[in-house]
Amino acid sequence: MPMATLFLFFALAHPLLAAAPATQPTKPLNVIIIGADTLRADHLDLYGYKHPTSPNLDRLAARGVVFDRVFSQGSYTLSSFASLFTSRYAEQHHAVSKFTAISDSETMLAEVFQKAGFRTAGFTGGPNLALQYGFGKGFDTYLSGDLPRRMDAYIPVALKWIQKDRAKPFFLFIQPQDVHPPFDVLELPESERDRWDPGDHEQTERFMGAFYFFKAFNGDSYAENKPEPSGWLKREIEAAAKDPRTGRHMASIYDDRVAHLDASLGRFFAELERLGVMENTVIVLLSDHGTLFGEGGKFAHGMHMSTHDGIFHVVLAIWAPGLAPRRVSSLAELVDVGPTLLELTGLPKPEPFEGRSLVPLLRGQEDVQERPVFGTATATWNDSGAMRHYVRDSRWKFVSDEPGGKTALYDLRADAEETRDVSDADPETAKRLAGILARHLRRLSSRSD
């Protein structure tokens, strides 16, 4: 039986992925978080993308709970996952650049599960979740490092760890890096390349393996990249920046990797089903942030402080025993994931956690009043303390720079690309949202170390 057919059979047959009456589990629920680094929500057909990049996730999501409008609190991996694991905002956990780390006083989500008797493990790739930043706290097993690990590499390791002790509940975190730039254009087999944008990609592909291109394109210059590029390279980068094909080609290369990640996730879920793990496990698929392909004149993420939805609109889907499938349109944040998992597993929420439990939304209750969401853009190598804060509701996004106080207001219904500041045209909305953001930041300051 082909793998895709086998997986579909499992997905259709399993009660976790189908509508089921709410029942109390007979033993403690396990938890698996798959934190797909740099996975843009709007590049999945699950979220209405133009290309069929995620057929396995589409089938899975049809039997789980999908959140349509979830937003990250950080603009790149370190700050975003710090908010996920502390359920706190960047202004509180302070892990906002390569020169900062999560305070040892913060309560980590894995720590809560560990103290409750769960086995805990984290398997990560890339440098931003390394031990020196504080992410290993609460994990019995934590493997990290500066390695671009794809989901394929995690499947056998994770399954082996799960089977080591099935008597105790477990908390497992996996961070696949399949769709994180820069990209090795030879990494995928020929059959998985150029599926949606065939043609000559040579001008783009020559830069795909080096972050230097992204940093130079975004106007950034860091000591790690000395010496300065030659005149020839500067001209090459300028030519690529002016070529409308550049963003399209980069997005196509990215989409190839999204599809590969989707296939790997299909295999992982099928293996979990085969082992009987899914019968008593809460599974969360999320992303920490997205990446840009020319929106606002920027590429990638972490080298600039864009608050564009292409970076902050993230994926969130949850499967758990007894949850009927649905889609949730209410605004939510990544800081809400921790409290949600704790309620689903019957554990108390630590007092410092800022997020709210999404369990009522999982069960079909609607928000009586929409709650705005907040986030902060920072730059990976920025040691100046500069930040760009945003507050967002269904229609409006208000942005404020720190220091300096420069602000902007975007009408997302009329300007989804966030290109026109309408503060002068609608000063009352700008003033209202500025007040909401100011009160939010003051409250965070009063609850910060």
Protein backbone atom coordinates (compact mmCIF):
# COMPACT_ATOMS: atom_id res chain seq x y z
CA MET A 1 0.00 0.00 0.00
CA PRO A 2 1.53 3.42 -0.95
CA MET A 3 2.53 5.60 2.02
CA ALA A 4 0.06 8.35 1.15
CA THR A 5 -2.79 5.83 1.01
CA LEU A 6 -1.63 4.18 4.21
CA PHE A 7 -1.51 7.50 5.99
CA LEU A 8 -4.97 8.47 4.77
CA PHE A 9 -6.32 5.16 6.04
CA PHE A 10 -4.85 5.81 9.47
CA ALA A 11 -6.09 9.38 9.54
CA LEU A 12 -9.62 8.39 8.61
CA ALA A 13 -9.74 5.48 11.00
CA HIS A 14 -8.31 7.01 14.11
CA PRO A 15 -10.62 8.52 16.75
CA LEU A 16 -8.18 11.32 17.61
CA LEU A 17 -8.54 12.65 14.09
CA ALA A 18 -12.29 12.16 13.82
CA ALA A 19 -15.22 13.71 15.60
CA ALA A 20 -15.66 12.02 18.95
CA PRO A 21 -17.70 12.65 22.10
CA ALA A 22 -15.84 14.37 24.92
CA THR A 23 -14.58 11.71 27.31
CA GLN A 24 -12.07 11.68 30.13
CA PRO A 25 -8.82 9.90 29.22
CA THR A 26 -8.11 6.72 31.15
CA LYS A 27 -4.49 7.76 31.78
CA PRO A 28 -2.51 11.01 31.59
CA LEU A 29 -2.26 12.48 28.12
CA ASN A 30 1.09 12.71 26.38
CA VAL A 31 2.07 15.92 24.59
CA ILE A 32 3.94 16.39 21.32
CA ILE A 33 4.79 19.87 20.03
CA ILE A 34 6.09 20.08 16.47
CA GLY A 35 7.51 23.58 16.12
CA ALA A 36 8.16 23.96 12.39
CA ASP A 37 10.72 26.73 12.11
CA THR A 38 9.89 29.49 9.59
CA LEU A 39 6.66 27.91 8.30
CA ARG A 40 4.50 30.70 6.88
CA ALA A 41 0.81 30.02 7.44
CA ASP A 42 -0.15 31.55 4.10
CA HIS A 43 2.14 29.16 2.19
CA LEU A 44 0.03 26.15 3.14
CA ASP A 45 -3.04 25.32 1.08
CA LEU A 46 -4.49 24.55 4.52
CA TYR A 47 -4.65 28.35 4.85
CA GLY A 48 -5.73 29.03 1.28
CA TYR A 49 -2.41 29.09 -0.56
CA LYS A 50 -2.45 28.97 -4.36
CA HIS A 51 -0.22 25.85 -4.56
CA PRO A 52 -1.00 22.40 -3.07
CA THR A 53 2.00 22.38 -0.72
CA SER A 54 0.39 20.53 2.21
CA PRO A 55 -1.90 17.61 1.22
CA ASN A 56 -1.06 15.54 4.33
CA LEU A 57 -1.67 18.45 6.68
CA ASP A 58 -4.93 19.17 4.89
CA ARG A 59 -6.16 15.65 5.62
CA LEU A 60 -4.97 15.81 9.21
CA ALA A 61 -6.33 19.28 9.85
CA ALA A 62 -9.77 18.25 8.63
CA ARG A 63 -9.90 16.04 11.73
CA GLY A 64 -8.31 18.41 14.21
CA VAL A 65 -8.78 21.98 15.35
CA VAL A 66 -7.16 24.61 13.13
CA PHE A 67 -6.67 28.19 14.28
CA ASP A 68 -6.88 30.56 11.34
CA ARG A 69 -5.51 33.70 13.01
CA VAL A 70 -2.67 32.98 15.43
CA PHE A 71 0.20 35.41 15.80
CA SER A 72 3.73 35.07 17.07
CA GLN A 73 5.15 37.29 19.79
CA GLY A 74 8.64 37.34 18.26
CA SER A 75 10.00 37.93 14.78
CA TYR A 76 12.60 35.18 14.81
CA THR A 77 13.31 31.84 16.45
CA LEU A 78 14.94 32.82 19.75
CA SER A 79 12.39 35.40 20.84
CA SER A 80 9.38 33.51 19.49
CA PHE A 81 10.14 30.13 21.07
CA ALA A 82 11.09 31.92 24.29
CA SER A 83 7.54 33.29 24.36
CA LEU A 84 6.13 29.84 23.60
CA PHE A 85 7.99 28.11 26.44
CA THR A 86 7.61 30.87 29.05
CA SER A 87 4.12 32.03 27.98
CA ARG A 88 5.53 35.52 28.33
CA TYR A 89 6.24 38.41 25.99
CA ALA A 90 9.66 39.54 24.76
CA GLU A 91 9.56 42.53 27.09
CA GLN A 92 9.43 40.06 29.99
CA HIS A 93 11.71 37.16 29.05
CA HIS A 94 14.25 39.50 27.35
CA ALA A 95 15.59 36.84 24.94
CA VAL A 96 15.55 39.14 21.94
CA SER A 97 18.99 38.89 20.30
CA LYS A 98 22.10 36.73 20.09
CA PHE A 99 23.43 38.68 23.08
CA THR A 100 20.56 37.76 25.41
CA ALA A 101 19.06 34.63 26.99
CA ILE A 102 15.97 33.56 28.90
CA SER A 103 16.32 34.47 32.56
CA ASP A 104 16.88 31.48 34.83
CA SER A 105 14.02 32.76 36.97
CA GLU A 106 11.49 32.10 34.20
CA THR A 107 9.24 29.05 34.54
CA MET A 108 9.58 26.92 31.40
CA LEU A 109 6.74 24.83 29.99
CA ALA A 110 8.87 21.66 29.89
CA GLU A 111 9.77 22.27 33.51
CA VAL A 112 6.09 22.21 34.51
CA PHE A 113 5.59 18.84 32.81
CA GLN A 114 8.84 17.45 34.21
CA LYS A 115 7.83 18.35 37.77
CA ALA A 116 4.46 16.68 37.19
CA GLY A 117 6.20 13.37 36.45
CA PHE A 118 6.37 13.50 32.65
CA ARG A 119 9.35 12.26 30.69
CA THR A 120 10.60 15.24 28.69
CA ALA A 121 12.69 15.50 25.53
CA GLY A 122 13.56 18.18 23.00
CA PHE A 123 15.14 17.63 19.59
CA THR A 124 16.10 20.85 17.82
CA GLY A 125 18.20 22.14 14.96
CA GLY A 126 19.75 25.52 14.36
CA PRO A 127 21.63 27.68 16.84
CA ASN A 128 18.80 29.72 18.32
CA LEU A 129 17.45 27.04 20.68
CA ALA A 130 20.86 26.06 22.00
CA LEU A 131 21.42 25.35 25.68
CA GLN A 132 23.11 28.69 26.34
CA TYR A 133 19.82 30.48 25.71
CA GLY A 134 18.02 28.56 28.46
CA PHE A 135 15.81 26.24 26.41
CA GLY A 136 17.13 23.02 27.94
CA LYS A 137 15.59 23.79 31.32
CA GLY A 138 12.98 21.14 32.17
CA PHE A 139 14.11 18.59 29.58
CA ASP A 140 15.50 15.20 30.63
CA THR A 141 16.90 14.85 27.11
CA TYR A 142 17.75 17.87 25.00
CA LEU A 143 19.68 17.66 21.74
CA SER A 144 20.41 20.94 19.99
CA GLY A 145 23.10 22.65 18.01
CA ASP A 146 23.91 24.54 14.86
CA LEU A 147 22.52 21.88 12.52
CA PRO A 148 19.89 22.39 9.80
CA ARG A 149 17.99 19.23 10.72
CA ARG A 150 14.99 18.29 8.61
CA MET A 151 11.94 16.45 9.94
CA ASP A 152 13.23 13.24 8.36
CA ALA A 153 16.12 13.22 10.84
CA TYR A 154 13.84 13.50 13.85
CA ILE A 155 11.39 10.73 13.06
CA PRO A 156 13.55 7.70 14.06
CA VAL A 157 15.09 9.53 17.04
CA ALA A 158 11.72 10.67 18.38
CA LEU A 159 10.05 7.29 17.89
CA LYS A 160 12.91 5.50 19.64
CA TRP A 161 12.69 7.90 22.59
CA ILE A 162 8.90 7.53 22.85
CA GLN A 163 9.20 3.74 23.05
CA LYS A 164 11.88 3.72 25.76
CA ASP A 165 9.26 3.98 28.51
CA ARG A 166 5.57 3.76 27.63
CA ALA A 167 4.51 3.52 31.28
CA LYS A 168 5.02 7.24 32.00
CA PRO A 169 3.41 10.15 30.17
CA PHE A 170 5.77 12.20 28.03
CA PHE A 171 6.30 15.73 26.76
CA LEU A 172 8.15 15.87 23.44
CA PHE A 173 9.27 18.93 21.48
CA ILE A 174 10.57 18.72 17.90
CA GLN A 175 11.84 21.67 15.85
CA PRO A 176 12.25 20.75 12.17
CA GLN A 177 14.25 23.21 10.07
CA ASP A 178 13.11 22.07 6.61
CA VAL A 179 11.91 25.51 5.48
CA HIS A 180 14.47 27.76 7.16
CA PRO A 181 16.66 29.75 4.74
CA PRO A 182 19.33 29.82 3.42
CA PHE A 183 18.58 26.88 1.15
CA ASP A 184 20.78 24.28 -0.42
CA VAL A 185 19.31 24.08 -3.92
CA LEU A 186 20.76 20.58 -4.36
CA GLU A 187 19.30 19.28 -1.09
CA LEU A 188 16.05 17.91 -2.50
CA PRO A 189 15.78 15.34 -5.29
CA GLU A 190 15.12 16.68 -8.77
CA SER A 191 11.53 15.43 -8.63
CA GLU A 192 10.82 17.75 -5.69
CA ARG A 193 12.32 20.90 -7.22
CA ASP A 194 10.78 23.69 -9.32
CA ARG A 195 7.29 22.25 -9.11
CA TRP A 196 5.44 25.56 -9.20
CA ASP A 197 7.87 28.00 -10.78
CA PRO A 198 9.77 26.22 -13.56
CA GLY A 199 12.36 28.17 -15.46
CA ASP A 200 15.82 29.66 -15.12
CA HIS A 201 16.62 30.25 -11.45
CA GLU A 202 20.36 30.67 -11.78
CA GLN A 203 20.47 34.32 -10.71
CA THR A 204 18.54 33.52 -7.54
CA GLU A 205 20.09 30.15 -6.78
CA ARG A 206 23.63 31.49 -6.72
CA PHE A 207 22.76 33.31 -3.50
CA MET A 208 20.49 30.79 -1.78
CA GLY A 209 23.19 29.08 0.28
CA ALA A 210 24.50 32.20 2.04
CA PHE A 211 22.92 34.41 4.66
CA TYR A 212 25.24 37.16 3.45
CA PHE A 213 22.93 37.80 0.52
CA PHE A 214 19.90 38.22 2.77
CA LYS A 215 21.75 40.52 5.14
CA ALA A 216 23.18 42.63 2.36
CA PHE A 217 19.83 42.76 0.57
CA ASN A 218 18.17 44.04 3.74
CA GLY A 219 20.82 46.73 4.17
CA ASP A 220 22.43 45.12 7.21
CA SER A 221 26.13 44.94 7.88
CA TYR A 222 27.57 42.84 10.68
CA ALA A 223 31.12 42.26 11.84
CA GLU A 224 30.76 38.53 11.19
CA ASN A 225 30.45 39.29 7.49
CA LYS A 226 33.65 41.31 7.06
CA PRO A 227 35.28 41.99 4.70
CA GLU A 228 32.76 44.09 2.87
CA PRO A 229 31.60 42.60 -0.43
CA SER A 230 33.46 43.46 -3.59
CA GLY A 231 32.02 45.89 -6.07
CA TRP A 232 31.08 42.99 -8.30
CA LEU A 233 29.07 41.29 -5.55
CA LYS A 234 27.33 44.53 -4.61
CA ARG A 235 26.26 44.97 -8.23
CA GLU A 236 25.02 41.38 -8.34
CA ILE A 237 22.93 41.88 -5.21
CA GLU A 238 21.53 45.16 -6.50
CA ALA A 239 20.53 43.48 -9.76
CA ALA A 240 18.80 40.65 -7.89
CA ALA A 241 16.98 43.14 -5.70
CA LYS A 242 15.57 44.94 -8.74
CA ASP A 243 14.56 41.73 -10.53
CA PRO A 244 10.89 40.84 -9.88
CA ARG A 245 11.75 37.18 -10.39
CA THR A 246 13.92 37.08 -7.27
CA GLY A 247 11.12 36.99 -4.73
CA ARG A 248 9.06 34.61 -6.86
CA HIS A 249 11.94 32.18 -7.30
CA MET A 250 12.84 32.25 -3.62
CA ALA A 251 9.24 31.60 -2.67
CA SER A 252 9.13 28.67 -5.11
CA ILE A 253 12.26 27.11 -3.61
CA TYR A 254 10.70 27.62 -0.17
CA ASP A 255 7.45 25.98 -1.31
CA ASP A 256 9.37 22.89 -2.47
CA ARG A 257 10.62 22.51 1.09
CA VAL A 258 7.18 23.08 2.57
CA ALA A 259 5.91 20.17 0.47
CA HIS A 260 8.82 17.99 1.62
CA LEU A 261 8.08 18.85 5.26
CA ASP A 262 4.43 17.98 4.69
CA ALA A 263 5.36 14.54 3.36
CA SER A 264 7.63 13.95 6.36
CA LEU A 265 4.90 14.95 8.77
CA GLY A 266 2.60 12.47 7.06
CA ARG A 267 5.11 9.70 7.70
CA PHE A 268 5.56 10.75 11.32
CA PHE A 269 1.84 10.71 12.07
CA ALA A 270 1.48 7.34 10.37
CA GLU A 271 4.23 5.93 12.61
CA LEU A 272 2.61 7.40 15.72
CA GLU A 273 -0.62 5.71 14.68
CA ARG A 274 1.09 2.39 14.07
CA LEU A 275 2.57 2.48 17.57
CA GLY A 276 -0.75 3.41 19.18
CA VAL A 277 0.66 6.68 20.50
CA MET A 278 -2.06 8.92 19.12
CA GLU A 279 -4.79 7.31 21.19
CA ASN A 280 -3.66 9.19 24.28
CA THR A 281 -1.65 12.12 23.01
CA VAL A 282 -2.22 15.82 22.41
CA ILE A 283 -0.38 16.84 19.25
CA VAL A 284 0.34 20.47 18.40
CA LEU A 285 1.69 21.68 15.09
CA LEU A 286 2.83 25.28 15.13
CA SER A 287 5.39 27.60 13.62
CA ASP A 288 7.48 30.21 15.38
CA HIS A 289 7.41 32.79 12.58
CA GLY A 290 7.35 33.09 8.81
CA THR A 291 9.76 34.75 6.39
CA LEU A 292 9.55 37.43 3.71
CA PHE A 293 10.06 37.27 -0.05
CA GLY A 294 10.26 40.97 -0.84
CA GLU A 295 7.26 42.26 1.12
CA GLY A 296 8.07 45.76 2.29
CA GLY A 297 11.38 45.52 0.45
CA LYS A 298 12.67 42.86 2.85
CA PHE A 299 13.79 39.26 2.55
CA ALA A 300 13.98 36.50 5.15
CA HIS A 301 13.66 37.37 8.85
CA GLY A 302 15.86 38.15 11.82
CA MET A 303 17.98 40.63 9.84
CA HIS A 304 15.35 43.35 10.07
CA MET A 305 12.48 44.43 12.31
CA SER A 306 9.51 43.99 10.01
CA THR A 307 6.16 43.39 11.71
CA HIS A 308 4.56 42.16 8.47
CA ASP A 309 2.00 39.35 8.78
CA GLY A 310 4.26 37.23 6.56
CA ILE A 311 6.45 36.88 9.64
CA PHE A 312 3.96 37.06 12.50
CA HIS A 313 0.98 35.07 11.18
CA VAL A 314 1.80 31.49 12.18
CA VAL A 315 0.41 27.97 11.98
CA LEU A 316 -1.49 26.36 14.86
CA ALA A 317 -3.35 23.04 14.68
CA ILE A 318 -4.23 20.81 17.62
CA TRP A 319 -5.37 17.20 17.83
CA ALA A 320 -6.51 15.65 21.11
CA PRO A 321 -8.78 12.80 22.20
CA GLY A 322 -12.40 13.92 22.38
CA LEU A 323 -12.00 17.13 20.37
CA ALA A 324 -14.33 17.47 17.40
CA PRO A 325 -12.81 18.94 14.23
CA ARG A 326 -13.37 22.64 13.63
CA ARG A 327 -11.73 25.83 12.49
CA VAL A 328 -11.34 28.73 14.91
CA SER A 329 -11.39 32.30 13.60
CA SER A 330 -10.76 34.06 16.91
CA LEU A 331 -7.45 35.86 17.29
CA ALA A 332 -4.91 34.00 19.41
CA GLU A 333 -1.21 34.11 20.29
CA LEU A 334 1.62 31.62 20.72
CA VAL A 335 1.79 32.51 24.43
CA ASP A 336 -1.62 30.81 24.67
CA VAL A 337 -0.27 27.38 23.69
CA GLY A 338 1.31 26.56 27.07
CA PRO A 339 -1.79 27.31 29.17
CA THR A 340 -3.89 25.34 26.66
CA LEU A 341 -1.72 22.23 26.97
CA LEU A 342 -1.71 22.47 30.75
CA GLU A 343 -5.51 22.60 30.90
CA LEU A 344 -5.85 19.69 28.47
CA THR A 345 -3.53 17.58 30.63
CA GLY A 346 -5.05 18.68 33.94
CA LEU A 347 -2.04 20.66 35.21
CA PRO A 348 -2.24 24.09 36.85
CA LYS A 349 -1.08 27.17 35.00
CA PRO A 350 1.92 28.87 36.67
CA GLU A 351 1.18 32.37 37.89
CA PRO A 352 3.80 34.06 35.66
CA PHE A 353 2.27 32.68 32.45
CA GLU A 354 0.62 35.48 30.46
CA GLY A 355 -1.30 33.44 27.90
CA ARG A 356 -4.87 32.25 28.14
CA SER A 357 -6.11 28.72 27.64
CA LEU A 358 -7.68 28.13 24.23
CA VAL A 359 -9.62 25.08 25.44
CA PRO A 360 -12.99 26.91 25.29
CA LEU A 361 -12.27 27.74 21.64
CA LEU A 362 -11.17 24.14 21.01
CA ARG A 363 -14.57 23.04 22.26
CA GLY A 364 -16.51 25.41 20.04
CA GLN A 365 -17.15 28.39 22.29
CA GLU A 366 -16.87 31.77 20.61
CA ASP A 367 -15.08 34.79 21.98
CA VAL A 368 -17.66 37.21 23.36
CA GLN A 369 -15.32 40.12 22.74
CA GLU A 370 -12.32 40.04 20.43
CA ARG A 371 -8.99 40.34 22.19
CA PRO A 372 -6.16 42.11 20.36
CA VAL A 373 -2.78 40.40 19.92
CA PHE A 374 0.69 41.79 20.51
CA GLY A 375 4.22 41.12 19.32
CA THR A 376 7.69 42.58 19.07
CA ALA A 377 10.15 42.54 16.19
CA THR A 378 13.85 42.46 17.01
CA ALA A 379 17.00 41.76 14.99
CA THR A 380 19.23 38.76 15.58
CA TRP A 381 22.54 40.60 16.01
CA ASN A 382 21.15 43.86 17.41
CA ASP A 383 22.67 44.81 20.76
CA SER A 384 21.22 48.33 20.81
CA GLY A 385 17.90 47.38 22.42
CA ALA A 386 15.89 48.59 19.43
CA MET A 387 12.44 47.02 19.10
CA ARG A 388 9.32 47.42 17.02
CA HIS A 389 6.08 46.66 18.88
CA TYR A 390 2.72 45.95 17.31
CA VAL A 391 -0.87 45.56 18.40
CA ARG A 392 -3.30 43.96 15.98
CA ASP A 393 -7.02 43.28 15.77
CA SER A 394 -9.11 41.90 12.92
CA ARG A 395 -8.74 45.03 10.82
CA TRP A 396 -5.98 47.27 12.14
CA LYS A 397 -2.30 46.96 12.96
CA PHE A 398 -0.56 49.70 14.92
CA VAL A 399 3.25 49.71 15.05
CA SER A 400 5.55 51.67 17.35
CA ASP A 401 9.36 51.83 17.33
CA GLU A 402 11.48 51.87 20.46
CA PRO A 403 13.47 54.03 20.88
CA GLY A 404 12.36 56.97 18.79
CA GLY A 405 8.62 56.54 19.00
CA LYS A 406 7.98 56.36 15.25
CA THR A 407 4.50 54.91 14.64
CA ALA A 408 2.36 53.65 11.78
CA LEU A 409 -1.21 52.41 11.32
CA TYR A 410 -2.24 49.89 8.66
CA ASP A 411 -5.75 49.05 7.50
CA LEU A 412 -5.32 45.33 6.82
CA ARG A 413 -8.64 44.98 5.02
CA ALA A 414 -7.72 47.58 2.42
CA ASP A 415 -3.95 47.06 2.49
CA ALA A 416 -2.99 43.47 3.28
CA GLU A 417 0.61 44.15 2.20
CA GLU A 418 0.96 46.84 4.89
CA THR A 419 2.35 49.46 2.53
CA ARG A 420 0.31 52.57 3.45
CA ASP A 421 0.42 54.32 6.81
CA VAL A 422 -3.09 55.71 7.38
CA SER A 423 -2.45 57.40 10.73
CA ASP A 424 -3.24 60.84 9.31
CA ALA A 425 -6.40 59.61 7.62
CA ASP A 426 -7.72 57.93 10.78
CA PRO A 427 -6.13 59.58 13.84
CA GLU A 428 -8.82 58.28 16.21
CA THR A 429 -8.04 54.63 15.43
CA ALA A 430 -4.32 55.35 15.73
CA LYS A 431 -4.87 57.00 19.10
CA ARG A 432 -7.05 54.14 20.35
CA LEU A 433 -4.58 51.45 19.40
CA ALA A 434 -1.64 53.47 20.68
CA GLY A 435 -3.39 53.57 24.05
CA ILE A 436 -4.00 49.81 24.03
CA LEU A 437 -0.34 49.14 23.20
CA ALA A 438 0.94 51.58 25.83
CA ARG A 439 -1.20 49.99 28.55
CA HIS A 440 -0.04 46.53 27.47
CA LEU A 441 3.63 47.51 27.68
CA ARG A 442 3.14 49.16 31.08
CA ARG A 443 1.48 46.03 32.42
CA LEU A 444 4.30 43.85 31.10
CA SER A 445 6.82 46.12 32.77
CA SER A 446 5.05 45.71 36.09
CA ARG A 447 5.19 41.91 35.70
CA SER A 448 8.75 41.70 34.45
CA ASP A 449 11.85 40.78 36.42
